[in-house]
Amino acid sequence: QVQLVESGGGSVQAGGSLRLSCAVSGYVGSTHCMGWFRQAPGRQREGVASISFGDDSIDYLDSVKGRFTISQDNSKTTVYLQMNSLKSEDTALYYCAIDPGLRGYFPNWGQGTQVTVS
């Protein structure tokens, strides 16, 4: 019932910045968790960042701490991932996902947006 659509991906040089957006439609409870994941060719999908409303927690992958920032607008219709000081190893297909009721898993995923750092 919940749909997610990512946007904002593109190609940037190392050291540059990019801001990803995820538009959320459908019913989302006040208590929920939004997450960003990424997958590069030949590598497993990994969690990049998450923000939880209910316990108010924010978590980041160790390799992106200090460089990436996750946030959500006040209406909860969009979640963002601000990416600074990008490195070539950040190149991947980035997905957003939601756990609508903090049940411990992410049942709904977007289609992904490509980020390429050269």
N, C-alpha and C. Protein backbone atom coordinates (compact mmCIF):
# COMPACT_ATOMS: atom_id res chain seq x y z
N GLN A 1 0.82 -1.22 0.00
CA GLN A 1 0.00 0.00 0.00
C GLN A 1 0.85 1.26 0.00
N VAL A 2 2.09 1.16 0.47
CA VAL A 2 3.01 2.29 0.49
C VAL A 2 3.92 2.21 -0.73
N GLN A 3 4.07 3.33 -1.43
CA GLN A 3 4.94 3.41 -2.60
C GLN A 3 6.06 4.40 -2.35
N LEU A 4 7.26 4.05 -2.82
CA LEU A 4 8.45 4.88 -2.66
C LEU A 4 9.09 5.10 -4.02
N VAL A 5 9.47 6.35 -4.31
CA VAL A 5 10.11 6.69 -5.58
C VAL A 5 11.34 7.53 -5.31
N GLU A 6 12.53 7.00 -5.67
CA GLU A 6 13.79 7.72 -5.47
C GLU A 6 14.09 8.64 -6.64
N SER A 7 14.85 9.70 -6.36
CA SER A 7 15.32 10.61 -7.39
C SER A 7 16.56 11.32 -6.87
N GLY A 8 17.26 12.03 -7.76
CA GLY A 8 18.40 12.82 -7.38
C GLY A 8 19.75 12.19 -7.67
N GLY A 9 19.77 10.98 -8.17
CA GLY A 9 21.03 10.34 -8.50
C GLY A 9 21.67 10.98 -9.73
N GLY A 10 22.94 10.65 -9.95
CA GLY A 10 23.66 11.20 -11.08
C GLY A 10 25.13 10.88 -10.99
N SER A 11 25.92 11.56 -11.82
CA SER A 11 27.37 11.38 -11.86
C SER A 11 28.07 12.61 -11.32
N VAL A 12 29.01 12.41 -10.41
CA VAL A 12 29.79 13.50 -9.83
C VAL A 12 31.24 13.06 -9.70
N GLN A 13 32.13 14.04 -9.60
CA GLN A 13 33.53 13.75 -9.37
C GLN A 13 33.79 13.52 -7.89
N ALA A 14 34.85 12.79 -7.59
CA ALA A 14 35.23 12.55 -6.20
C ALA A 14 35.37 13.87 -5.45
N GLY A 15 34.83 13.90 -4.24
CA GLY A 15 34.84 15.11 -3.43
C GLY A 15 33.59 15.95 -3.59
N GLY A 16 32.76 15.62 -4.55
CA GLY A 16 31.53 16.36 -4.80
C GLY A 16 30.40 15.94 -3.88
N SER A 17 29.22 16.54 -4.11
CA SER A 17 28.05 16.30 -3.28
C SER A 17 26.85 15.95 -4.13
N LEU A 18 25.90 15.26 -3.51
CA LEU A 18 24.67 14.88 -4.17
C LEU A 18 23.60 14.70 -3.11
N ARG A 19 22.35 15.04 -3.44
CA ARG A 19 21.24 14.87 -2.50
C ARG A 19 20.18 13.98 -3.12
N LEU A 20 19.92 12.85 -2.49
CA LEU A 20 18.91 11.92 -2.93
C LEU A 20 17.59 12.20 -2.22
N SER A 21 16.49 11.99 -2.93
CA SER A 21 15.16 12.17 -2.37
C SER A 21 14.34 10.91 -2.57
N CYS A 22 13.44 10.64 -1.63
CA CYS A 22 12.53 9.51 -1.72
C CYS A 22 11.13 10.01 -1.41
N ALA A 23 10.25 10.01 -2.41
CA ALA A 23 8.88 10.45 -2.22
C ALA A 23 8.04 9.28 -1.72
N VAL A 24 7.26 9.54 -0.68
CA VAL A 24 6.45 8.51 -0.03
C VAL A 24 4.98 8.79 -0.28
N SER A 25 4.24 7.78 -0.73
CA SER A 25 2.79 7.89 -0.91
C SER A 25 2.11 6.70 -0.26
N GLY A 26 0.84 6.89 0.11
CA GLY A 26 0.12 5.86 0.82
C GLY A 26 0.18 6.09 2.32
N TYR A 27 -0.49 5.23 3.06
CA TYR A 27 -0.54 5.41 4.50
C TYR A 27 0.76 5.01 5.17
N VAL A 28 1.25 5.89 6.02
CA VAL A 28 2.43 5.63 6.84
C VAL A 28 2.11 6.04 8.27
N GLY A 29 2.26 5.14 9.21
CA GLY A 29 1.98 5.45 10.60
C GLY A 29 2.96 6.44 11.17
N SER A 30 2.55 7.09 12.25
CA SER A 30 3.43 8.06 12.90
C SER A 30 4.68 7.39 13.46
N THR A 31 4.59 6.12 13.78
CA THR A 31 5.72 5.34 14.25
C THR A 31 6.24 4.48 13.09
N HIS A 32 7.39 4.84 12.54
CA HIS A 32 7.94 4.12 11.39
C HIS A 32 9.43 4.38 11.26
N CYS A 33 10.07 3.63 10.38
CA CYS A 33 11.50 3.78 10.12
C CYS A 33 11.74 3.88 8.63
N MET A 34 12.52 4.87 8.22
CA MET A 34 12.93 5.03 6.83
C MET A 34 14.42 4.70 6.72
N GLY A 35 14.78 3.98 5.66
CA GLY A 35 16.17 3.60 5.48
C GLY A 35 16.65 3.78 4.06
N TRP A 36 17.95 4.02 3.91
CA TRP A 36 18.62 4.06 2.61
C TRP A 36 19.58 2.88 2.54
N PHE A 37 19.56 2.18 1.42
CA PHE A 37 20.43 1.04 1.16
C PHE A 37 21.13 1.25 -0.18
N ARG A 38 22.21 0.51 -0.41
CA ARG A 38 22.89 0.60 -1.70
C ARG A 38 23.45 -0.76 -2.10
N GLN A 39 23.60 -0.95 -3.41
CA GLN A 39 24.17 -2.17 -3.93
C GLN A 39 25.03 -1.85 -5.14
N ALA A 40 26.29 -2.24 -5.06
CA ALA A 40 27.24 -2.07 -6.16
C ALA A 40 27.41 -3.40 -6.88
N PRO A 41 27.81 -3.38 -8.16
CA PRO A 41 28.02 -4.63 -8.90
C PRO A 41 28.99 -5.56 -8.19
N GLY A 42 28.59 -6.82 -8.03
CA GLY A 42 29.43 -7.80 -7.39
C GLY A 42 29.46 -7.73 -5.88
N ARG A 43 28.67 -6.85 -5.28
CA ARG A 43 28.63 -6.71 -3.83
C ARG A 43 27.21 -6.90 -3.32
N GLN A 44 27.10 -7.29 -2.06
CA GLN A 44 25.79 -7.45 -1.43
C GLN A 44 25.20 -6.10 -1.06
N ARG A 45 23.89 -6.05 -0.98
CA ARG A 45 23.21 -4.85 -0.55
C ARG A 45 23.58 -4.54 0.91
N GLU A 46 23.81 -3.27 1.20
CA GLU A 46 24.16 -2.87 2.55
C GLU A 46 23.35 -1.65 2.98
N GLY A 47 23.07 -1.59 4.27
CA GLY A 47 22.37 -0.45 4.82
C GLY A 47 23.29 0.75 4.93
N VAL A 48 22.83 1.91 4.49
CA VAL A 48 23.63 3.13 4.50
C VAL A 48 23.25 4.02 5.68
N ALA A 49 21.95 4.26 5.85
CA ALA A 49 21.48 5.13 6.92
C ALA A 49 20.01 4.84 7.19
N SER A 50 19.57 5.12 8.39
CA SER A 50 18.16 4.96 8.75
C SER A 50 17.77 6.01 9.77
N ILE A 51 16.48 6.36 9.75
CA ILE A 51 15.93 7.30 10.71
C ILE A 51 14.60 6.75 11.19
N SER A 52 14.43 6.66 12.50
CA SER A 52 13.27 6.05 13.10
C SER A 52 12.46 7.08 13.87
N PHE A 53 11.15 7.12 13.60
CA PHE A 53 10.23 7.99 14.33
C PHE A 53 9.42 7.13 15.28
N GLY A 54 9.57 7.38 16.54
CA GLY A 54 8.99 6.58 17.60
C GLY A 54 9.99 6.44 18.71
N ASP A 55 11.20 5.97 18.35
CA ASP A 55 12.30 5.95 19.29
C ASP A 55 13.35 7.01 18.95
N ASP A 56 13.14 7.75 17.86
CA ASP A 56 13.96 8.90 17.47
C ASP A 56 15.43 8.55 17.31
N SER A 57 15.72 7.42 16.69
CA SER A 57 17.10 6.99 16.50
C SER A 57 17.54 7.19 15.06
N ILE A 58 18.83 7.49 14.87
CA ILE A 58 19.45 7.64 13.56
C ILE A 58 20.72 6.80 13.54
N ASP A 59 20.91 6.02 12.48
CA ASP A 59 22.08 5.15 12.37
C ASP A 59 22.71 5.31 11.00
N TYR A 60 24.05 5.16 10.94
CA TYR A 60 24.80 5.26 9.70
C TYR A 60 25.78 4.11 9.56
N LEU A 61 26.02 3.74 8.32
CA LEU A 61 27.11 2.83 8.02
C LEU A 61 28.42 3.52 8.42
N ASP A 62 29.35 2.78 9.02
CA ASP A 62 30.58 3.38 9.52
C ASP A 62 31.34 4.16 8.44
N SER A 63 31.36 3.65 7.22
CA SER A 63 32.14 4.27 6.16
C SER A 63 31.56 5.59 5.65
N VAL A 64 30.32 5.92 6.03
CA VAL A 64 29.71 7.16 5.57
C VAL A 64 29.51 8.16 6.70
N LYS A 65 29.83 7.80 7.92
CA LYS A 65 29.67 8.69 9.06
C LYS A 65 30.50 9.96 8.86
N GLY A 66 29.87 11.11 9.12
CA GLY A 66 30.54 12.38 8.93
C GLY A 66 30.43 12.92 7.53
N ARG A 67 29.98 12.10 6.58
CA ARG A 67 29.85 12.53 5.19
C ARG A 67 28.40 12.56 4.72
N PHE A 68 27.59 11.61 5.17
CA PHE A 68 26.19 11.50 4.76
C PHE A 68 25.26 11.93 5.89
N THR A 69 24.11 12.49 5.53
CA THR A 69 23.10 12.89 6.51
C THR A 69 21.72 12.48 6.02
N ILE A 70 20.98 11.75 6.85
CA ILE A 70 19.61 11.36 6.52
C ILE A 70 18.64 12.29 7.23
N SER A 71 17.55 12.65 6.57
CA SER A 71 16.55 13.52 7.16
C SER A 71 15.21 13.28 6.49
N GLN A 72 14.14 13.79 7.11
CA GLN A 72 12.80 13.66 6.58
C GLN A 72 12.08 14.98 6.76
N ASP A 73 11.25 15.37 5.79
CA ASP A 73 10.53 16.63 5.92
C ASP A 73 9.43 16.50 6.97
N ASN A 74 8.88 17.66 7.36
CA ASN A 74 7.92 17.68 8.45
C ASN A 74 6.63 16.92 8.14
N SER A 75 6.24 16.89 6.87
CA SER A 75 5.02 16.20 6.48
C SER A 75 5.21 14.69 6.32
N LYS A 76 6.45 14.22 6.39
CA LYS A 76 6.83 12.81 6.25
C LYS A 76 6.58 12.28 4.84
N THR A 77 6.47 13.18 3.86
CA THR A 77 6.24 12.76 2.48
C THR A 77 7.53 12.53 1.71
N THR A 78 8.67 13.00 2.25
CA THR A 78 9.94 12.85 1.57
C THR A 78 11.06 12.59 2.57
N VAL A 79 11.93 11.64 2.25
CA VAL A 79 13.12 11.39 3.03
C VAL A 79 14.33 11.71 2.15
N TYR A 80 15.38 12.28 2.74
CA TYR A 80 16.54 12.73 1.99
C TYR A 80 17.81 12.02 2.46
N LEU A 81 18.78 11.95 1.57
CA LEU A 81 20.12 11.52 1.92
C LEU A 81 21.09 12.53 1.31
N GLN A 82 21.65 13.40 2.15
CA GLN A 82 22.66 14.35 1.70
C GLN A 82 24.01 13.66 1.72
N MET A 83 24.69 13.64 0.58
CA MET A 83 25.95 12.92 0.43
C MET A 83 27.05 13.92 0.08
N ASN A 84 28.01 14.09 0.98
CA ASN A 84 29.13 14.99 0.79
C ASN A 84 30.44 14.22 0.74
N SER A 85 31.47 14.87 0.21
CA SER A 85 32.81 14.26 0.12
C SER A 85 32.74 12.87 -0.49
N LEU A 86 32.05 12.76 -1.60
CA LEU A 86 31.82 11.46 -2.23
C LEU A 86 33.12 10.83 -2.71
N LYS A 87 33.19 9.51 -2.59
CA LYS A 87 34.33 8.72 -3.00
C LYS A 87 33.90 7.73 -4.07
N SER A 88 34.86 7.21 -4.81
CA SER A 88 34.55 6.25 -5.86
C SER A 88 33.85 5.01 -5.30
N GLU A 89 34.18 4.63 -4.08
CA GLU A 89 33.55 3.45 -3.47
C GLU A 89 32.10 3.67 -3.08
N ASP A 90 31.61 4.91 -3.20
CA ASP A 90 30.20 5.20 -2.96
C ASP A 90 29.34 4.90 -4.19
N THR A 91 29.97 4.59 -5.31
CA THR A 91 29.23 4.28 -6.53
C THR A 91 28.36 3.05 -6.31
N ALA A 92 27.06 3.19 -6.55
CA ALA A 92 26.12 2.09 -6.32
C ALA A 92 24.72 2.53 -6.75
N LEU A 93 23.81 1.56 -6.78
CA LEU A 93 22.40 1.84 -6.93
C LEU A 93 21.82 2.01 -5.53
N TYR A 94 21.23 3.16 -5.27
CA TYR A 94 20.72 3.48 -3.94
C TYR A 94 19.21 3.30 -3.89
N TYR A 95 18.74 2.64 -2.82
CA TYR A 95 17.32 2.38 -2.61
C TYR A 95 16.85 3.00 -1.30
N CYS A 96 15.60 3.43 -1.26
CA CYS A 96 14.98 3.75 0.01
C CYS A 96 13.95 2.69 0.34
N ALA A 97 13.70 2.51 1.63
CA ALA A 97 12.77 1.49 2.10
C ALA A 97 12.11 1.97 3.38
N ILE A 98 11.00 1.33 3.73
CA ILE A 98 10.27 1.73 4.93
C ILE A 98 9.79 0.52 5.72
N ASP A 99 9.91 0.62 7.03
CA ASP A 99 9.27 -0.27 7.98
C ASP A 99 8.12 0.53 8.57
N PRO A 100 6.89 0.34 8.08
CA PRO A 100 5.79 1.25 8.43
C PRO A 100 5.41 1.27 9.91
N GLY A 101 5.61 0.18 10.60
CA GLY A 101 5.19 0.10 11.99
C GLY A 101 6.26 -0.38 12.96
N LEU A 102 7.53 -0.21 12.59
CA LEU A 102 8.66 -0.64 13.44
C LEU A 102 8.51 -2.12 13.83
N ARG A 103 8.25 -2.96 12.84
CA ARG A 103 8.08 -4.40 13.07
C ARG A 103 9.37 -5.18 12.88
N GLY A 104 10.45 -4.50 12.53
CA GLY A 104 11.74 -5.16 12.42
C GLY A 104 12.17 -5.58 11.03
N TYR A 105 11.43 -5.18 10.01
CA TYR A 105 11.80 -5.49 8.63
C TYR A 105 11.25 -4.43 7.70
N PHE A 106 11.77 -4.38 6.46
CA PHE A 106 11.39 -3.38 5.47
C PHE A 106 10.62 -4.05 4.35
N PRO A 107 9.29 -4.00 4.37
CA PRO A 107 8.49 -4.67 3.33
C PRO A 107 8.33 -3.88 2.04
N ASN A 108 8.58 -2.57 2.06
CA ASN A 108 8.34 -1.73 0.90
C ASN A 108 9.63 -1.05 0.46
N TRP A 109 9.92 -1.15 -0.85
CA TRP A 109 11.15 -0.62 -1.43
C TRP A 109 10.87 0.22 -2.66
N GLY A 110 11.75 1.19 -2.92
CA GLY A 110 11.69 1.94 -4.15
C GLY A 110 12.41 1.21 -5.27
N GLN A 111 12.44 1.82 -6.45
CA GLN A 111 13.06 1.19 -7.62
C GLN A 111 14.56 1.46 -7.72
N GLY A 112 15.07 2.41 -6.97
CA GLY A 112 16.49 2.71 -6.95
C GLY A 112 16.87 3.89 -7.83
N THR A 113 17.97 4.57 -7.45
CA THR A 113 18.53 5.65 -8.25
C THR A 113 20.05 5.49 -8.27
N GLN A 114 20.64 5.64 -9.44
CA GLN A 114 22.07 5.36 -9.62
C GLN A 114 22.93 6.55 -9.21
N VAL A 115 23.98 6.26 -8.45
CA VAL A 115 24.99 7.25 -8.07
C VAL A 115 26.34 6.76 -8.59
N THR A 116 27.00 7.60 -9.39
CA THR A 116 28.30 7.24 -9.94
C THR A 116 29.31 8.32 -9.59
N VAL A 117 30.41 7.93 -8.95
CA VAL A 117 31.46 8.85 -8.54
C VAL A 117 32.73 8.48 -9.28
N SER A 118 33.30 9.43 -10.01
CA SER A 118 34.50 9.19 -10.79
C SER A 118 35.68 10.02 -10.31
